[in-house]
Amino acid sequence: MIFLLFFLTLCLLFLMIYIYLNIFYTIILKVPMLATSDKTIENALGEINLATKGKFYDLGSGNGKVAFRFAATHPNFNCIGIEFNLAAYFSAKIRNIFSKHKISCRRENFFKVNLDDADIVYTYLFPDIMKELEQKFNHELKKGATVIANTFPLQHKSPIKIIQSKTGKLGTLYIYKY
């Protein structure tokens, strides 16, 4: 009985810390954790012709949902999730322990991560951040790299393909080639 009470207390404590950290990072970074829907991930994976191997970056990867799904369908890709939110980062690290298809989880500011070796970059970030990322992409991405932007497009680059979501703008994918 004491062990059960201790375990429940510990779970509640971790839940409270997780919620607090998410609120803190939402206020500080001005980016809440937004989960990509399973249908949007399917659309992204199904519509893109990919090489057999390369590097996949998920910027603002949250709990790693997209990166893990990509790793499962493209095992020869090196999948890297970049997340600064400590709670989301730990969620991805824990998920990685139990996942058959491993990803590299990195707790970093994605503006400071060099993307010159990226073959595919996935983002689901707000317009102000996308504006800054577009400049980073223009300077760092190699010729032929693909950017998949969920819901919020780049402002000054024309997508090669738009995969319209059935639910409106939310979940619409913008595919760019560099």
N, C-alpha and C. Protein backbone atom coordinates (compact mmCIF):
# COMPACT_ATOMS: atom_id res chain seq x y z
N MET A 1 0.82 -1.19 0.00
CA MET A 1 0.00 0.00 0.00
C MET A 1 0.87 1.26 0.00
N ILE A 2 1.92 1.26 0.80
CA ILE A 2 2.81 2.43 0.87
C ILE A 2 3.53 2.61 -0.47
N PHE A 3 3.94 1.50 -1.07
CA PHE A 3 4.62 1.59 -2.37
C PHE A 3 3.69 2.19 -3.42
N LEU A 4 2.43 1.78 -3.43
CA LEU A 4 1.46 2.30 -4.40
C LEU A 4 1.26 3.80 -4.19
N LEU A 5 1.12 4.21 -2.94
CA LEU A 5 0.96 5.63 -2.63
C LEU A 5 2.19 6.42 -3.05
N PHE A 6 3.38 5.88 -2.79
CA PHE A 6 4.62 6.53 -3.21
C PHE A 6 4.68 6.64 -4.73
N PHE A 7 4.34 5.57 -5.42
CA PHE A 7 4.36 5.56 -6.88
C PHE A 7 3.38 6.58 -7.46
N LEU A 8 2.17 6.64 -6.93
CA LEU A 8 1.17 7.61 -7.40
C LEU A 8 1.62 9.04 -7.13
N THR A 9 2.21 9.27 -5.98
CA THR A 9 2.74 10.59 -5.65
C THR A 9 3.85 10.99 -6.61
N LEU A 10 4.73 10.06 -6.90
CA LEU A 10 5.82 10.32 -7.85
C LEU A 10 5.28 10.62 -9.24
N CYS A 11 4.29 9.87 -9.68
CA CYS A 11 3.67 10.11 -11.00
C CYS A 11 3.02 11.49 -11.05
N LEU A 12 2.31 11.84 -10.00
CA LEU A 12 1.67 13.16 -9.92
C LEU A 12 2.72 14.27 -9.94
N LEU A 13 3.81 14.08 -9.23
CA LEU A 13 4.89 15.06 -9.22
C LEU A 13 5.47 15.24 -10.62
N PHE A 14 5.74 14.15 -11.31
CA PHE A 14 6.27 14.24 -12.68
C PHE A 14 5.27 14.91 -13.62
N LEU A 15 3.99 14.61 -13.45
CA LEU A 15 2.97 15.24 -14.28
C LEU A 15 2.94 16.75 -14.04
N MET A 16 3.01 17.15 -12.79
CA MET A 16 3.01 18.58 -12.47
C MET A 16 4.25 19.28 -13.04
N ILE A 17 5.39 18.65 -12.93
CA ILE A 17 6.62 19.23 -13.50
C ILE A 17 6.51 19.34 -15.01
N TYR A 18 5.98 18.31 -15.64
CA TYR A 18 5.79 18.30 -17.10
C TYR A 18 4.89 19.46 -17.53
N ILE A 19 3.77 19.62 -16.84
CA ILE A 19 2.83 20.70 -17.17
C ILE A 19 3.48 22.06 -16.93
N TYR A 20 4.15 22.23 -15.80
CA TYR A 20 4.83 23.48 -15.48
C TYR A 20 5.86 23.83 -16.55
N LEU A 21 6.70 22.86 -16.92
CA LEU A 21 7.73 23.12 -17.93
C LEU A 21 7.12 23.51 -19.27
N ASN A 22 6.03 22.86 -19.65
CA ASN A 22 5.39 23.21 -20.92
C ASN A 22 4.83 24.63 -20.89
N ILE A 23 4.23 25.00 -19.78
CA ILE A 23 3.72 26.37 -19.65
C ILE A 23 4.88 27.37 -19.69
N PHE A 24 5.94 27.07 -18.95
CA PHE A 24 7.11 27.94 -18.92
C PHE A 24 7.69 28.14 -20.32
N TYR A 25 7.92 27.05 -21.04
CA TYR A 25 8.51 27.16 -22.38
C TYR A 25 7.55 27.80 -23.38
N THR A 26 6.27 27.62 -23.18
CA THR A 26 5.29 28.27 -24.05
C THR A 26 5.37 29.79 -23.87
N ILE A 27 5.50 30.22 -22.64
CA ILE A 27 5.59 31.66 -22.37
C ILE A 27 6.93 32.22 -22.83
N ILE A 28 8.03 31.55 -22.53
CA ILE A 28 9.36 32.03 -22.87
C ILE A 28 9.61 31.97 -24.37
N LEU A 29 9.36 30.81 -24.98
CA LEU A 29 9.66 30.63 -26.41
C LEU A 29 8.54 31.11 -27.31
N LYS A 30 7.36 31.33 -26.73
CA LYS A 30 6.18 31.75 -27.49
C LYS A 30 5.78 30.71 -28.54
N VAL A 31 6.08 29.45 -28.24
CA VAL A 31 5.70 28.36 -29.13
C VAL A 31 5.15 27.22 -28.27
N PRO A 32 3.84 27.01 -28.31
CA PRO A 32 3.31 25.88 -27.56
C PRO A 32 3.63 24.58 -28.27
N MET A 33 3.56 23.48 -27.54
CA MET A 33 3.74 22.18 -28.18
C MET A 33 2.50 21.88 -28.99
N LEU A 34 2.68 21.73 -30.29
CA LEU A 34 1.59 21.40 -31.19
C LEU A 34 1.86 20.01 -31.76
N ALA A 35 0.94 19.12 -31.59
CA ALA A 35 1.13 17.76 -32.10
C ALA A 35 0.67 17.68 -33.55
N THR A 36 1.47 17.05 -34.37
CA THR A 36 1.10 16.80 -35.75
C THR A 36 0.16 15.61 -35.78
N SER A 37 -0.93 15.75 -36.53
CA SER A 37 -1.90 14.65 -36.60
C SER A 37 -1.32 13.47 -37.37
N ASP A 38 -1.84 12.30 -37.07
CA ASP A 38 -1.39 11.09 -37.77
C ASP A 38 -1.65 11.19 -39.27
N LYS A 39 -2.78 11.77 -39.65
CA LYS A 39 -3.12 11.91 -41.07
C LYS A 39 -2.11 12.83 -41.77
N THR A 40 -1.70 13.90 -41.12
CA THR A 40 -0.72 14.81 -41.71
C THR A 40 0.61 14.10 -41.89
N ILE A 41 1.01 13.29 -40.92
CA ILE A 41 2.26 12.54 -41.04
C ILE A 41 2.16 11.56 -42.21
N GLU A 42 1.03 10.88 -42.33
CA GLU A 42 0.83 9.95 -43.46
C GLU A 42 0.94 10.69 -44.79
N ASN A 43 0.32 11.86 -44.86
CA ASN A 43 0.39 12.66 -46.09
C ASN A 43 1.83 13.02 -46.43
N ALA A 44 2.58 13.44 -45.43
CA ALA A 44 3.97 13.83 -45.66
C ALA A 44 4.79 12.65 -46.14
N LEU A 45 4.62 11.51 -45.50
CA LEU A 45 5.40 10.33 -45.86
C LEU A 45 4.99 9.76 -47.21
N GLY A 46 3.71 9.86 -47.52
CA GLY A 46 3.20 9.25 -48.75
C GLY A 46 3.42 10.07 -50.01
N GLU A 47 3.63 11.35 -49.87
CA GLU A 47 3.68 12.23 -51.03
C GLU A 47 5.09 12.61 -51.48
N ILE A 48 6.07 12.22 -50.71
CA ILE A 48 7.42 12.69 -51.01
C ILE A 48 8.28 11.55 -51.52
N ASN A 49 8.90 11.76 -52.67
CA ASN A 49 9.85 10.78 -53.19
C ASN A 49 11.19 11.03 -52.54
N LEU A 50 11.69 10.02 -51.85
CA LEU A 50 12.92 10.19 -51.09
C LEU A 50 14.02 9.28 -51.59
N ALA A 51 15.22 9.70 -51.33
CA ALA A 51 16.37 8.84 -51.57
C ALA A 51 16.31 7.69 -50.56
N THR A 52 17.17 6.73 -50.72
CA THR A 52 17.13 5.58 -49.82
C THR A 52 17.79 5.86 -48.47
N LYS A 53 18.64 6.87 -48.40
CA LYS A 53 19.23 7.23 -47.11
C LYS A 53 19.57 8.71 -47.09
N GLY A 54 19.78 9.22 -45.89
CA GLY A 54 20.10 10.64 -45.74
C GLY A 54 19.85 11.08 -44.32
N LYS A 55 19.69 12.41 -44.14
CA LYS A 55 19.45 12.98 -42.82
C LYS A 55 18.11 13.72 -42.81
N PHE A 56 17.33 13.41 -41.80
CA PHE A 56 16.02 14.02 -41.58
C PHE A 56 16.08 14.81 -40.28
N TYR A 57 15.73 16.09 -40.33
CA TYR A 57 15.67 16.93 -39.15
C TYR A 57 14.23 17.34 -38.88
N ASP A 58 13.82 17.22 -37.65
CA ASP A 58 12.52 17.72 -37.20
C ASP A 58 12.82 18.86 -36.24
N LEU A 59 12.56 20.09 -36.70
CA LEU A 59 12.86 21.28 -35.88
C LEU A 59 11.68 21.58 -34.98
N GLY A 60 11.92 21.64 -33.69
CA GLY A 60 10.83 21.79 -32.73
C GLY A 60 10.08 20.47 -32.64
N SER A 61 10.81 19.40 -32.42
CA SER A 61 10.28 18.05 -32.57
C SER A 61 9.32 17.60 -31.47
N GLY A 62 9.20 18.37 -30.40
CA GLY A 62 8.29 17.97 -29.33
C GLY A 62 8.68 16.61 -28.78
N ASN A 63 7.71 15.70 -28.69
CA ASN A 63 7.98 14.37 -28.16
C ASN A 63 8.56 13.43 -29.22
N GLY A 64 8.84 13.94 -30.40
CA GLY A 64 9.48 13.15 -31.45
C GLY A 64 8.55 12.36 -32.33
N LYS A 65 7.27 12.60 -32.24
CA LYS A 65 6.27 11.81 -32.97
C LYS A 65 6.58 11.71 -34.47
N VAL A 66 6.87 12.82 -35.11
CA VAL A 66 7.14 12.82 -36.55
C VAL A 66 8.46 12.11 -36.85
N ALA A 67 9.49 12.41 -36.08
CA ALA A 67 10.80 11.80 -36.32
C ALA A 67 10.75 10.28 -36.12
N PHE A 68 10.03 9.83 -35.10
CA PHE A 68 9.91 8.39 -34.87
C PHE A 68 9.16 7.71 -36.01
N ARG A 69 8.11 8.33 -36.47
CA ARG A 69 7.33 7.77 -37.58
C ARG A 69 8.16 7.72 -38.85
N PHE A 70 8.94 8.79 -39.08
CA PHE A 70 9.81 8.83 -40.26
C PHE A 70 10.87 7.74 -40.16
N ALA A 71 11.46 7.58 -38.97
CA ALA A 71 12.49 6.54 -38.76
C ALA A 71 11.93 5.15 -39.00
N ALA A 72 10.67 4.94 -38.63
CA ALA A 72 10.05 3.62 -38.82
C ALA A 72 9.84 3.31 -40.30
N THR A 73 9.51 4.33 -41.09
CA THR A 73 9.23 4.10 -42.52
C THR A 73 10.47 4.25 -43.39
N HIS A 74 11.51 4.89 -42.88
CA HIS A 74 12.75 5.12 -43.62
C HIS A 74 13.94 4.77 -42.73
N PRO A 75 14.16 3.47 -42.47
CA PRO A 75 15.19 3.07 -41.50
C PRO A 75 16.62 3.43 -41.89
N ASN A 76 16.87 3.74 -43.15
CA ASN A 76 18.24 4.10 -43.56
C ASN A 76 18.52 5.59 -43.39
N PHE A 77 17.54 6.35 -42.93
CA PHE A 77 17.74 7.77 -42.67
C PHE A 77 18.21 7.96 -41.23
N ASN A 78 19.08 8.92 -41.04
CA ASN A 78 19.49 9.35 -39.71
C ASN A 78 18.48 10.42 -39.30
N CYS A 79 17.61 10.11 -38.36
CA CYS A 79 16.53 11.03 -37.96
C CYS A 79 16.91 11.76 -36.69
N ILE A 80 16.82 13.08 -36.75
CA ILE A 80 17.27 13.94 -35.65
C ILE A 80 16.12 14.86 -35.25
N GLY A 81 15.75 14.78 -33.98
CA GLY A 81 14.74 15.68 -33.44
C GLY A 81 15.43 16.77 -32.62
N ILE A 82 15.15 18.01 -32.95
CA ILE A 82 15.73 19.15 -32.23
C ILE A 82 14.60 19.81 -31.43
N GLU A 83 14.77 19.84 -30.12
CA GLU A 83 13.75 20.41 -29.25
C GLU A 83 14.41 21.12 -28.08
N PHE A 84 13.94 22.31 -27.75
CA PHE A 84 14.51 23.07 -26.64
C PHE A 84 13.69 22.90 -25.36
N ASN A 85 12.39 22.66 -25.48
CA ASN A 85 11.51 22.48 -24.33
C ASN A 85 11.96 21.23 -23.57
N LEU A 86 12.35 21.41 -22.33
CA LEU A 86 12.91 20.33 -21.53
C LEU A 86 11.93 19.17 -21.34
N ALA A 87 10.67 19.48 -21.07
CA ALA A 87 9.67 18.43 -20.87
C ALA A 87 9.46 17.62 -22.14
N ALA A 88 9.35 18.30 -23.27
CA ALA A 88 9.17 17.60 -24.55
C ALA A 88 10.41 16.79 -24.90
N TYR A 89 11.57 17.36 -24.64
CA TYR A 89 12.83 16.66 -24.91
C TYR A 89 12.90 15.35 -24.11
N PHE A 90 12.58 15.41 -22.81
CA PHE A 90 12.62 14.21 -21.99
C PHE A 90 11.57 13.20 -22.45
N SER A 91 10.42 13.68 -22.90
CA SER A 91 9.40 12.76 -23.44
C SER A 91 9.96 11.99 -24.64
N ALA A 92 10.66 12.70 -25.51
CA ALA A 92 11.27 12.04 -26.68
C ALA A 92 12.36 11.07 -26.26
N LYS A 93 13.17 11.46 -25.28
CA LYS A 93 14.24 10.57 -24.81
C LYS A 93 13.66 9.28 -24.21
N ILE A 94 12.61 9.41 -23.43
CA ILE A 94 11.96 8.23 -22.85
C ILE A 94 11.33 7.38 -23.95
N ARG A 95 10.67 8.03 -24.88
CA ARG A 95 10.07 7.31 -26.01
C ARG A 95 11.14 6.56 -26.80
N ASN A 96 12.32 7.16 -26.93
CA ASN A 96 13.42 6.56 -27.69
C ASN A 96 13.90 5.26 -27.02
N ILE A 97 13.84 5.20 -25.70
CA ILE A 97 14.25 4.00 -24.98
C ILE A 97 13.40 2.80 -25.40
N PHE A 98 12.11 3.03 -25.58
CA PHE A 98 11.18 1.96 -25.87
C PHE A 98 10.89 1.77 -27.35
N SER A 99 11.45 2.60 -28.19
CA SER A 99 11.17 2.54 -29.63
C SER A 99 12.10 1.56 -30.33
N LYS A 100 11.53 0.85 -31.27
CA LYS A 100 12.33 -0.06 -32.10
C LYS A 100 13.22 0.74 -33.05
N HIS A 101 12.70 1.84 -33.55
CA HIS A 101 13.42 2.69 -34.50
C HIS A 101 13.92 3.92 -33.76
N LYS A 102 15.22 3.99 -33.53
CA LYS A 102 15.84 5.04 -32.73
C LYS A 102 16.03 6.33 -33.54
N ILE A 103 15.93 7.44 -32.84
CA ILE A 103 16.25 8.73 -33.42
C ILE A 103 17.30 9.38 -32.52
N SER A 104 17.90 10.44 -33.02
CA SER A 104 18.81 11.23 -32.21
C SER A 104 18.01 12.40 -31.65
N CYS A 105 17.87 12.47 -30.34
CA CYS A 105 17.14 13.56 -29.68
C CYS A 105 18.16 14.56 -29.18
N ARG A 106 18.02 15.79 -29.62
CA ARG A 106 18.98 16.82 -29.20
C ARG A 106 18.23 18.00 -28.60
N ARG A 107 18.66 18.41 -27.42
CA ARG A 107 18.07 19.58 -26.77
C ARG A 107 18.93 20.79 -27.12
N GLU A 108 18.48 21.47 -28.16
CA GLU A 108 19.22 22.63 -28.66
C GLU A 108 18.26 23.66 -29.23
N ASN A 109 18.76 24.84 -29.38
CA ASN A 109 18.07 25.89 -30.11
C ASN A 109 18.29 25.62 -31.59
N PHE A 110 17.22 25.34 -32.33
CA PHE A 110 17.41 24.94 -33.73
C PHE A 110 17.99 26.06 -34.60
N PHE A 111 17.95 27.29 -34.13
CA PHE A 111 18.60 28.36 -34.89
C PHE A 111 20.12 28.24 -34.83
N LYS A 112 20.63 27.50 -33.84
CA LYS A 112 22.07 27.32 -33.70
C LYS A 112 22.56 25.99 -34.25
N VAL A 113 21.66 25.18 -34.77
CA VAL A 113 22.03 23.88 -35.34
C VAL A 113 22.35 24.07 -36.82
N ASN A 114 23.51 23.58 -37.24
CA ASN A 114 23.90 23.68 -38.64
C ASN A 114 23.14 22.63 -39.44
N LEU A 115 22.45 23.07 -40.48
CA LEU A 115 21.62 22.17 -41.30
C LEU A 115 22.22 21.87 -42.66
N ASP A 116 23.51 22.12 -42.82
CA ASP A 116 24.11 21.96 -44.15
C ASP A 116 24.15 20.50 -44.63
N ASP A 117 23.94 19.54 -43.72
CA ASP A 117 23.93 18.13 -44.12
C ASP A 117 22.50 17.57 -44.22
N ALA A 118 21.50 18.41 -44.05
CA ALA A 118 20.10 17.96 -44.05
C ALA A 118 19.63 17.61 -45.47
N ASP A 119 18.96 16.50 -45.57
CA ASP A 119 18.29 16.13 -46.82
C ASP A 119 16.82 16.51 -46.76
N ILE A 120 16.23 16.37 -45.56
CA ILE A 120 14.83 16.73 -45.34
C ILE A 120 14.73 17.45 -44.01
N VAL A 121 13.97 18.54 -43.99
CA VAL A 121 13.71 19.28 -42.76
C VAL A 121 12.20 19.40 -42.62
N TYR A 122 11.69 19.04 -41.46
CA TYR A 122 10.27 19.15 -41.16
C TYR A 122 10.07 20.21 -40.09
N THR A 123 9.06 21.07 -40.28
CA THR A 123 8.74 22.09 -39.27
C THR A 123 7.23 22.19 -39.07
N TYR A 124 6.86 22.49 -37.86
CA TYR A 124 5.47 22.86 -37.52
C TYR A 124 5.61 23.99 -36.51
N LEU A 125 5.92 25.17 -37.02
CA LEU A 125 6.25 26.32 -36.18
C LEU A 125 5.48 27.54 -36.65
N PHE A 126 5.28 28.48 -35.77
CA PHE A 126 4.49 29.67 -36.06
C PHE A 126 5.17 30.58 -37.09
N PRO A 127 4.36 31.46 -37.76
CA PRO A 127 4.87 32.29 -38.86
C PRO A 127 6.09 33.15 -38.53
N ASP A 128 6.16 33.74 -37.34
CA ASP A 128 7.32 34.58 -37.00
C ASP A 128 8.60 33.75 -37.00
N ILE A 129 8.52 32.55 -36.51
CA ILE A 129 9.69 31.67 -36.48
C ILE A 129 10.01 31.19 -37.88
N MET A 130 8.98 30.90 -38.67
CA MET A 130 9.20 30.45 -40.05
C MET A 130 9.92 31.53 -40.86
N LYS A 131 9.61 32.78 -40.57
CA LYS A 131 10.26 33.89 -41.26
C LYS A 131 11.77 33.87 -41.01
N GLU A 132 12.15 33.65 -39.75
CA GLU A 132 13.58 33.57 -39.40
C GLU A 132 14.21 32.30 -39.97
N LEU A 133 13.46 31.21 -39.92
CA LEU A 133 13.99 29.94 -40.44
C LEU A 133 14.23 30.00 -41.94
N GLU A 134 13.39 30.73 -42.64
CA GLU A 134 13.56 30.84 -44.09
C GLU A 134 14.94 31.41 -44.42
N GLN A 135 15.38 32.40 -43.68
CA GLN A 135 16.72 32.97 -43.89
C GLN A 135 17.79 31.92 -43.59
N LYS A 136 17.60 31.17 -42.52
CA LYS A 136 18.54 30.11 -42.16
C LYS A 136 18.59 29.05 -43.27
N PHE A 137 17.44 28.64 -43.77
CA PHE A 137 17.39 27.65 -44.85
C PHE A 137 18.14 28.16 -46.08
N ASN A 138 17.93 29.42 -46.43
CA ASN A 138 18.58 29.99 -47.61
C ASN A 138 20.10 29.97 -47.50
N HIS A 139 20.61 30.12 -46.29
CA HIS A 139 22.06 30.15 -46.08
C HIS A 139 22.67 28.77 -45.88
N GLU A 140 21.92 27.84 -45.31
CA GLU A 140 22.53 26.58 -44.88
C GLU A 140 22.16 25.35 -45.70
N LEU A 141 20.96 25.29 -46.22
CA LEU A 141 20.54 24.05 -46.87
C LEU A 141 21.26 23.82 -48.19
N LYS A 142 21.63 22.57 -48.42
CA LYS A 142 22.32 22.22 -49.66
C LYS A 142 21.31 22.11 -50.80
N LYS A 143 21.84 22.17 -52.00
CA LYS A 143 21.00 22.04 -53.20
C LYS A 143 20.33 20.67 -53.18
N GLY A 144 19.03 20.66 -53.39
CA GLY A 144 18.27 19.42 -53.42
C GLY A 144 17.60 19.08 -52.10
N ALA A 145 17.91 19.81 -51.03
CA ALA A 145 17.28 19.54 -49.73
C ALA A 145 15.79 19.86 -49.83
N THR A 146 14.99 19.11 -49.08
CA THR A 146 13.54 19.29 -49.05
C THR A 146 13.13 19.85 -47.69
N VAL A 147 12.24 20.82 -47.70
CA VAL A 147 11.65 21.35 -46.47
C VAL A 147 10.15 21.06 -46.53
N ILE A 148 9.65 20.49 -45.44
CA ILE A 148 8.21 20.23 -45.30
C ILE A 148 7.72 21.12 -44.17
N ALA A 149 6.89 22.08 -44.52
CA ALA A 149 6.34 23.02 -43.53
C ALA A 149 4.88 22.67 -43.29
N ASN A 150 4.55 22.38 -42.05
CA ASN A 150 3.18 22.03 -41.67
C ASN A 150 2.43 23.30 -41.28
N THR A 151 1.33 23.58 -41.96
CA THR A 151 0.37 24.64 -41.68
C THR A 151 0.87 26.05 -41.99
N PHE A 152 2.11 26.36 -41.63
CA PHE A 152 2.63 27.72 -41.81
C PHE A 152 3.72 27.72 -42.87
N PRO A 153 3.44 28.29 -44.06
CA PRO A 153 4.40 28.25 -45.17
C PRO A 153 5.53 29.27 -45.00
N LEU A 154 6.56 29.07 -45.80
CA LEU A 154 7.62 30.08 -45.92
C LEU A 154 7.03 31.25 -46.70
N GLN A 155 7.50 32.45 -46.43
CA GLN A 155 6.89 33.63 -47.04
C GLN A 155 7.44 33.98 -48.42
N HIS A 156 8.72 33.73 -48.65
CA HIS A 156 9.34 34.22 -49.88
C HIS A 156 9.78 33.12 -50.83
N LYS A 157 9.39 31.91 -50.58
CA LYS A 157 9.76 30.80 -51.46
C LYS A 157 8.48 30.10 -51.88
N SER A 158 8.40 29.75 -53.14
CA SER A 158 7.22 29.06 -53.64
C SER A 158 7.35 27.56 -53.42
N PRO A 159 6.31 26.95 -52.87
CA PRO A 159 6.37 25.50 -52.67
C PRO A 159 6.28 24.77 -54.02
N ILE A 160 6.95 23.62 -54.09
CA ILE A 160 6.83 22.80 -55.31
C ILE A 160 5.54 21.99 -55.26
N LYS A 161 5.00 21.84 -54.05
CA LYS A 161 3.76 21.08 -53.89
C LYS A 161 3.07 21.52 -52.61
N ILE A 162 1.76 21.56 -52.67
CA ILE A 162 0.94 21.83 -51.48
C ILE A 162 0.01 20.63 -51.31
N ILE A 163 0.05 20.02 -50.15
CA ILE A 163 -0.84 18.91 -49.85
C ILE A 163 -1.91 19.45 -48.92
N GLN A 164 -3.07 19.71 -49.50
CA GLN A 164 -4.16 20.35 -48.78
C GLN A 164 -4.77 19.39 -47.77
N SER A 165 -4.99 19.88 -46.57
CA SER A 165 -5.65 19.11 -45.53
C SER A 165 -7.16 19.19 -45.74
N LYS A 166 -7.85 18.13 -45.41
CA LYS A 166 -9.31 18.13 -45.53
C LYS A 166 -9.97 18.95 -44.44
N THR A 167 -9.19 19.31 -43.41
CA THR A 167 -9.74 20.09 -42.31
C THR A 167 -9.42 21.58 -42.43
N GLY A 168 -8.99 22.01 -43.60
CA GLY A 168 -8.66 23.42 -43.79
C GLY A 168 -7.17 23.64 -43.77
N LYS A 169 -6.76 24.83 -43.33
CA LYS A 169 -5.34 25.18 -43.33
C LYS A 169 -4.53 24.33 -42.36
N LEU A 170 -5.12 24.01 -41.21
CA LEU A 170 -4.43 23.22 -40.21
C LEU A 170 -4.11 21.84 -40.78
N GLY A 171 -2.82 21.52 -40.83
CA GLY A 171 -2.40 20.23 -41.37
C GLY A 171 -2.03 20.26 -42.85
N THR A 172 -2.20 21.42 -43.49
CA THR A 172 -1.77 21.55 -44.88
C THR A 172 -0.24 21.54 -44.92
N LEU A 173 0.31 20.79 -45.86
CA LEU A 173 1.76 20.68 -45.98
C LEU A 173 2.28 21.46 -47.18
N TYR A 174 3.35 22.19 -46.97
CA TYR A 174 4.01 22.95 -48.03
C TYR A 174 5.38 22.32 -48.24
N ILE A 175 5.63 21.85 -49.45
CA ILE A 175 6.87 21.16 -49.77
C ILE A 175 7.76 22.09 -50.60
N TYR A 176 8.99 22.27 -50.15
CA TYR A 176 9.95 23.14 -50.83
C TYR A 176 11.20 22.38 -51.20
N LYS A 177 11.78 22.73 -52.33
CA LYS A 177 13.08 22.19 -52.75
C LYS A 177 14.08 23.32 -52.78
N TYR A 178 15.26 23.04 -52.28
CA TYR A 178 16.33 24.05 -52.29
C TYR A 178 17.39 23.69 -53.30
